[in-house]
């Protein structure tokens, strides 16, 4: 099997820079702004300029690479390490995306919940029944 540029999209430099970009995007997305019309987390996250592999695609590449006996063992272990780092980064990005969505939902519901609590506190206390 020949090693080509497509097999190396899991390089640690790419994975680290992509992860940092996602983390910066998340921080920017959850930082309060002065604007009333806040964009959703999905709208404020940076869109990578290249198509990223899915978790399933990376898992398939790892499985096929583990079965490939034509590669030199040293090279195979280096590529496997890169794929595993990419897989970890993709899973972390997916987790952070979910956390950002949950945070955005909570943030959107805060004014309504605050109003409900203020209404409850405005009611006189009820007498305790023995």
Protein backbone atom coordinates (compact mmCIF):
# COMPACT_ATOMS: atom_id res chain seq x y z
CA UNK A 1 0.00 0.00 0.00
CA UNK A 2 1.36 3.41 -0.91
CA UNK A 3 1.36 6.24 1.61
CA UNK A 4 -0.22 9.35 0.18
CA UNK A 5 -1.22 12.77 1.51
CA UNK A 6 -4.79 11.66 2.21
CA UNK A 7 -3.62 9.18 4.84
CA UNK A 8 -1.95 11.90 6.86
CA UNK A 9 -4.99 14.14 7.49
CA UNK A 10 -4.73 12.89 11.02
CA UNK A 11 -1.35 14.48 11.65
CA UNK A 12 -0.86 15.79 15.15
CA UNK A 13 -0.25 19.34 13.88
CA UNK A 14 -3.58 19.35 12.04
CA UNK A 15 -5.39 17.76 14.99
CA UNK A 16 -3.95 20.19 17.51
CA UNK A 17 -4.66 23.26 15.41
CA UNK A 18 -8.18 22.10 14.64
CA UNK A 19 -8.85 21.38 18.31
CA UNK A 20 -7.50 24.80 19.33
CA UNK A 21 -9.69 26.44 16.68
CA UNK A 22 -12.74 24.65 18.05
CA UNK A 23 -11.84 25.61 21.61
CA UNK A 24 -11.36 29.28 20.66
CA UNK A 25 -14.65 29.17 18.77
CA UNK A 26 -16.39 27.73 21.80
CA UNK A 27 -14.98 30.42 24.08
CA UNK A 28 -16.02 33.14 21.65
CA UNK A 29 -19.46 31.57 21.30
CA UNK A 30 -20.23 31.52 25.01
CA UNK A 31 -18.78 34.94 25.85
CA UNK A 32 -21.66 37.39 26.43
CA UNK A 33 -21.92 40.19 23.88
CA UNK A 34 -23.61 43.56 24.00
CA UNK A 35 -25.87 42.70 21.08
CA UNK A 36 -29.44 41.67 21.89
CA UNK A 37 -29.65 39.25 18.98
CA UNK A 38 -27.02 36.75 19.96
CA UNK A 39 -26.11 34.18 17.35
CA UNK A 40 -26.60 30.58 18.30
CA UNK A 41 -23.57 28.47 19.14
CA UNK A 42 -23.83 26.78 15.74
CA UNK A 43 -23.70 30.14 13.94
CA UNK A 44 -20.75 31.47 15.92
CA UNK A 45 -18.45 28.44 15.67
CA UNK A 46 -15.80 28.77 12.98
CA UNK A 47 -16.36 26.59 9.94
CA UNK A 48 -13.21 24.72 8.91
CA UNK A 49 -12.16 25.46 5.36
CA UNK A 50 -11.67 21.76 4.65
CA UNK A 51 -13.96 18.81 5.05
CA UNK A 52 -13.11 16.92 8.22
CA UNK A 53 -13.36 13.17 8.46
CA UNK A 54 -16.13 11.70 10.56
CA UNK A 55 -15.42 9.61 13.64
CA UNK A 56 -16.63 6.55 11.75
CA UNK A 57 -14.25 7.23 8.84
CA UNK A 58 -11.27 7.50 11.17
CA UNK A 59 -12.29 4.32 13.00
CA UNK A 60 -12.52 2.53 9.64
CA UNK A 61 -9.06 3.81 8.64
CA UNK A 62 -7.62 2.59 11.94
CA UNK A 63 -9.18 -0.84 11.46
CA UNK A 64 -7.93 -1.17 7.88
CA UNK A 65 -4.46 0.05 8.85
CA UNK A 66 -4.24 -2.48 11.67
CA UNK A 67 -5.00 -5.25 9.18
CA UNK A 68 -2.57 -3.98 6.53
CA UNK A 69 0.62 -6.03 6.72
CA UNK A 70 2.28 -4.36 3.71
CA UNK A 71 3.42 -1.31 5.68
CA UNK A 72 6.63 -1.17 7.63
CA UNK A 73 5.77 -1.63 11.35
CA UNK A 74 7.40 1.65 12.36
CA UNK A 75 5.46 3.62 9.75
CA UNK A 76 2.23 1.83 10.60
CA UNK A 77 2.59 2.66 14.30
CA UNK A 78 3.26 6.34 13.50
CA UNK A 79 0.21 6.56 11.23
CA UNK A 80 -1.92 4.69 13.79
CA UNK A 81 -0.84 7.14 16.49
CA UNK A 82 -1.83 10.06 14.26
CA UNK A 83 -5.21 8.49 13.51
CA UNK A 84 -5.83 7.80 17.19
CA UNK A 85 -5.00 11.41 18.08
CA UNK A 86 -7.34 12.57 15.33
CA UNK A 87 -10.07 10.29 16.65
CA UNK A 88 -9.59 11.64 20.17
CA UNK A 89 -9.72 15.23 18.88
CA UNK A 90 -12.89 14.56 16.90
CA UNK A 91 -14.55 12.99 19.94
CA UNK A 92 -13.47 15.93 22.12
CA UNK A 93 -14.82 18.37 19.54
CA UNK A 94 -18.12 16.48 19.45
CA UNK A 95 -18.33 16.59 23.26
CA UNK A 96 -17.59 20.32 23.34
CA UNK A 97 -20.14 20.94 20.61
CA UNK A 98 -22.76 19.17 22.73
CA UNK A 99 -21.71 21.10 25.85
CA UNK A 100 -21.91 24.38 23.92
CA UNK A 101 -25.40 23.50 22.68
CA UNK A 102 -26.51 22.66 26.23
CA UNK A 103 -25.00 25.91 27.51
CA UNK A 104 -26.78 27.88 24.76
CA UNK A 105 -30.10 26.22 25.65
CA UNK A 106 -29.61 27.06 29.33
CA UNK A 107 -28.62 30.61 28.41
CA UNK A 108 -31.73 31.02 26.25
CA UNK A 109 -33.98 29.74 29.07
CA UNK A 110 -32.44 31.92 31.79
CA UNK A 111 -34.69 34.99 31.35
CA UNK A 112 -37.85 32.88 31.46
CA UNK A 113 -36.67 30.93 34.50
CA UNK A 114 -35.61 34.15 36.25
CA UNK A 115 -39.06 35.62 35.69
CA UNK A 116 -40.70 32.46 37.08
CA UNK A 117 -38.55 32.64 40.22
CA UNK A 118 -39.31 36.34 40.70
CA UNK A 119 -43.04 35.61 40.39
CA UNK A 120 -42.76 32.83 42.98
CA UNK A 121 -40.91 35.12 45.37
CA UNK A 122 -43.50 37.87 44.89
CA UNK A 123 -46.26 35.59 46.20
CA UNK A 124 -46.95 35.83 49.94
CA UNK A 125 -45.89 32.72 51.88
CA UNK A 126 -48.61 30.19 52.51
CA UNK A 127 -49.43 29.24 56.07
CA UNK A 128 -48.15 25.84 57.09
CA UNK A 129 -50.89 23.30 57.81
CA UNK A 130 -50.41 21.17 60.92
